[in-house]
Amino acid sequence: MVEKKMGRPTNNPKTNPIHVRLDNDTQRILEEYCKKEKIHKTEGIRRGIKRLESDIKK
């Protein structure tokens, strides 16, 4: 029997990792946005991806 890992419970688990390389300008934009919003880079990236959704619904 496999036991579940203990961790913070969530209704929206993040199970799909991704690795990206950013140029200096893109990195600067991400860091400035995250500092202003007081969020982690991963959350900033998620927000950016969500904004793309409107483009695919056109």
Protein backbone atom coordinates (compact mmCIF):
# COMPACT_ATOMS: atom_id res chain seq x y z
CA MET A 1 0.00 0.00 0.00
CA VAL A 2 1.35 3.41 -1.02
CA GLU A 3 0.90 6.19 1.52
CA LYS A 4 0.12 9.74 0.45
CA LYS A 5 2.71 12.42 1.11
CA MET A 6 1.93 14.80 3.93
CA GLY A 7 1.82 18.42 2.87
CA ARG A 8 -0.30 21.49 2.67
CA PRO A 9 -3.79 20.52 1.45
CA THR A 10 -4.97 22.19 -1.74
CA ASN A 11 -7.91 22.09 -4.11
CA ASN A 12 -5.61 23.00 -7.02
CA PRO A 13 -2.43 20.89 -6.90
CA LYS A 14 0.45 22.07 -9.11
CA THR A 15 1.63 18.79 -10.65
CA ASN A 16 3.04 19.99 -13.99
CA PRO A 17 6.58 21.35 -13.67
CA ILE A 18 8.12 23.47 -16.42
CA HIS A 19 11.61 24.90 -16.96
CA VAL A 20 12.15 28.09 -18.95
CA ARG A 21 15.12 30.26 -19.89
CA LEU A 22 14.55 34.00 -19.85
CA ASP A 23 16.50 36.80 -21.48
CA ASN A 24 17.65 39.63 -19.22
CA ASP A 25 14.80 41.98 -20.13
CA THR A 26 12.10 39.37 -19.50
CA GLN A 27 13.74 38.42 -16.19
CA ARG A 28 13.80 42.09 -15.13
CA ILE A 29 10.10 42.52 -15.98
CA LEU A 30 9.15 39.40 -14.03
CA GLU A 31 11.21 40.41 -11.00
CA GLU A 32 9.82 43.98 -10.97
CA TYR A 33 6.23 42.73 -11.27
CA CYS A 34 6.67 40.16 -8.51
CA LYS A 35 8.34 42.66 -6.20
CA LYS A 36 5.53 45.18 -6.77
CA GLU A 37 2.80 42.57 -6.22
CA LYS A 38 4.70 40.83 -3.38
CA ILE A 39 4.36 37.40 -4.99
CA HIS A 40 6.70 34.56 -5.95
CA LYS A 41 8.00 34.30 -9.50
CA THR A 42 5.96 31.14 -10.06
CA GLU A 43 2.76 33.03 -9.27
CA GLY A 44 3.81 35.86 -11.60
CA ILE A 45 4.36 33.36 -14.40
CA ARG A 46 0.96 31.73 -13.73
CA ARG A 47 -0.72 35.14 -13.92
CA GLY A 48 0.99 35.87 -17.23
CA ILE A 49 -0.12 32.55 -18.68
CA LYS A 50 -3.71 33.16 -17.54
CA ARG A 51 -3.68 36.47 -19.44
CA LEU A 52 -2.93 34.52 -22.63
CA GLU A 53 -6.28 32.76 -22.34
CA SER A 54 -8.14 35.73 -23.83
CA ASP A 55 -5.96 35.48 -26.96
CA ILE A 56 -6.91 31.87 -27.62
CA LYS A 57 -10.64 32.57 -27.17
CA LYS A 58 -10.71 35.06 -30.07
